[in-house]
Amino acid sequence: QVQLVESGGGLVQAGGSLRLSCAASGSIFNVNAMGWYRQAPGKQRELVAVFINGGRTNYADSVKGRFTISRDSAKNTVYLQMNSLKPEDTAVYYCKVDRGPYYTAYWGQGTQVTVSS
């Protein structure tokens, strides 16, 4: 089992920045990928950024150049640095881990990010 706890969300004005953190615990081995998703009201959950074990990253087109995903392996924590925030970034942001030979998915509880115009 993997437990994920997100933090760092909040209310910020457009153009501002936030850094989200996701602290992982439990069976943190054989991790295939770790990343961030978001879900805005009335919309489907979507990929924001993912860190592939091995160093590769992938970002949604809407956040490229503004968001940066990173990981501190010693702390078992993944981060999402969010710059130049826009109102359309408003959503609940979820941390996700895929692990094991069958890519079992684990989700955090989410952290609210609200960007005011």
Protein backbone atom coordinates (compact mmCIF):
# COMPACT_ATOMS: atom_id res chain seq x y z
CA GLN A 1 0.00 0.00 0.00
CA VAL A 2 1.02 3.57 -0.68
CA GLN A 3 -0.28 6.58 1.19
CA LEU A 4 -0.10 10.01 -0.39
CA VAL A 5 -0.67 13.30 1.38
CA GLU A 6 -0.85 16.51 -0.62
CA SER A 7 -0.25 19.95 0.76
CA GLY A 8 0.47 23.46 -0.42
CA GLY A 9 -2.81 24.39 -2.02
CA GLY A 10 -4.60 27.60 -1.33
CA LEU A 11 -5.94 30.82 -2.74
CA VAL A 12 -3.71 32.90 -4.96
CA GLN A 13 -4.18 35.77 -7.36
CA ALA A 14 -3.66 35.32 -11.07
CA GLY A 15 0.01 35.51 -11.88
CA GLY A 16 1.02 34.18 -8.51
CA SER A 17 2.76 30.98 -7.54
CA LEU A 18 2.22 27.97 -5.35
CA ARG A 19 4.23 24.87 -4.63
CA LEU A 20 2.38 21.65 -4.02
CA SER A 21 3.94 18.80 -2.12
CA CYS A 22 3.04 15.14 -2.07
CA ALA A 23 4.55 13.05 0.69
CA ALA A 24 4.51 9.33 0.05
CA SER A 25 4.71 6.55 2.58
CA GLY A 26 4.16 2.82 2.71
CA SER A 27 5.32 0.43 0.03
CA ILE A 28 7.36 2.94 -1.89
CA PHE A 29 9.27 0.63 -4.16
CA ASN A 30 8.93 -0.45 -7.75
CA VAL A 31 7.41 2.93 -8.51
CA ASN A 32 6.75 3.37 -12.20
CA ALA A 33 5.49 6.92 -12.18
CA MET A 34 4.46 9.69 -9.84
CA GLY A 35 2.64 12.80 -10.82
CA TRP A 36 -0.11 15.33 -10.48
CA TYR A 37 -3.64 15.41 -11.79
CA ARG A 38 -6.34 17.98 -11.34
CA GLN A 39 -10.08 18.13 -11.51
CA ALA A 40 -12.06 21.31 -11.88
CA PRO A 41 -15.79 21.49 -11.16
CA GLY A 42 -17.75 19.96 -14.00
CA LYS A 43 -14.64 18.66 -15.73
CA GLN A 44 -12.88 15.34 -15.92
CA ARG A 45 -9.72 14.68 -14.02
CA GLU A 46 -6.74 15.43 -16.20
CA LEU A 47 -3.02 14.89 -16.14
CA VAL A 48 -1.01 17.93 -15.14
CA ALA A 49 2.52 16.61 -14.86
CA VAL A 50 4.13 13.25 -14.30
CA PHE A 51 7.57 12.16 -13.23
CA ILE A 52 8.63 8.85 -14.69
CA ASN A 53 11.02 6.77 -12.63
CA GLY A 54 14.21 7.27 -14.55
CA GLY A 55 13.98 10.99 -15.04
CA ARG A 56 11.46 11.68 -17.76
CA THR A 57 8.70 14.19 -17.27
CA ASN A 58 5.54 14.98 -19.15
CA TYR A 59 3.26 17.98 -18.88
CA ALA A 60 -0.15 18.98 -20.06
CA ASP A 61 0.09 21.52 -22.85
CA SER A 62 -1.85 24.00 -20.76
CA VAL A 63 0.84 24.12 -18.06
CA LYS A 64 4.03 23.78 -20.07
CA GLY A 65 6.44 26.55 -19.26
CA ARG A 66 4.57 27.44 -16.08
CA PHE A 67 4.61 24.30 -13.94
CA THR A 68 7.56 22.17 -12.95
CA ILE A 69 7.44 18.75 -11.36
CA SER A 70 10.32 17.59 -9.22
CA ARG A 71 11.09 14.90 -6.68
CA ASP A 72 13.16 14.57 -3.55
CA SER A 73 13.85 10.87 -3.26
CA ALA A 74 15.34 11.19 0.23
CA LYS A 75 12.07 12.65 1.48
CA ASN A 76 9.82 10.48 -0.68
CA THR A 77 8.18 13.66 -1.84
CA VAL A 78 7.14 14.98 -5.21
CA TYR A 79 6.55 18.66 -5.83
CA LEU A 80 4.68 20.74 -8.31
CA GLN A 81 5.92 24.29 -8.67
CA MET A 82 3.12 26.33 -10.17
CA ASN A 83 4.01 29.73 -11.58
CA SER A 84 2.05 32.30 -13.53
CA LEU A 85 -1.16 30.82 -12.27
CA LYS A 86 -4.35 31.45 -14.18
CA PRO A 87 -7.97 31.25 -13.05
CA GLU A 88 -8.39 28.20 -15.27
CA ASP A 89 -5.85 26.41 -13.09
CA THR A 90 -8.43 26.37 -10.31
CA ALA A 91 -9.03 22.76 -9.39
CA VAL A 92 -8.43 20.09 -6.83
CA TYR A 93 -4.95 18.76 -7.42
CA TYR A 94 -4.27 15.10 -6.76
CA CYS A 95 -1.04 13.23 -6.39
CA LYS A 96 -0.88 9.83 -8.06
CA VAL A 97 1.58 6.96 -7.89
CA ASP A 98 1.76 3.95 -10.17
CA ARG A 99 3.76 1.07 -8.83
CA GLY A 100 4.44 -2.59 -9.23
CA PRO A 101 4.39 -4.88 -12.21
CA TYR A 102 0.73 -4.12 -12.90
CA TYR A 103 0.99 -0.37 -12.42
CA THR A 104 -1.32 -0.26 -9.43
CA ALA A 105 -2.58 3.28 -8.96
CA TYR A 106 -2.70 5.14 -5.67
CA TRP A 107 -4.26 8.55 -5.17
CA GLY A 108 -3.98 11.23 -2.57
CA GLN A 109 -6.95 13.06 -1.12
CA GLY A 110 -6.30 16.20 -3.10
CA THR A 111 -5.52 19.79 -2.30
CA GLN A 112 -7.58 22.74 -3.47
CA VAL A 113 -5.96 25.39 -5.63
CA THR A 114 -8.02 28.49 -6.31
CA VAL A 115 -6.75 31.24 -8.57
CA SER A 116 -8.64 34.50 -8.51
CA SER A 117 -8.80 36.82 -11.49
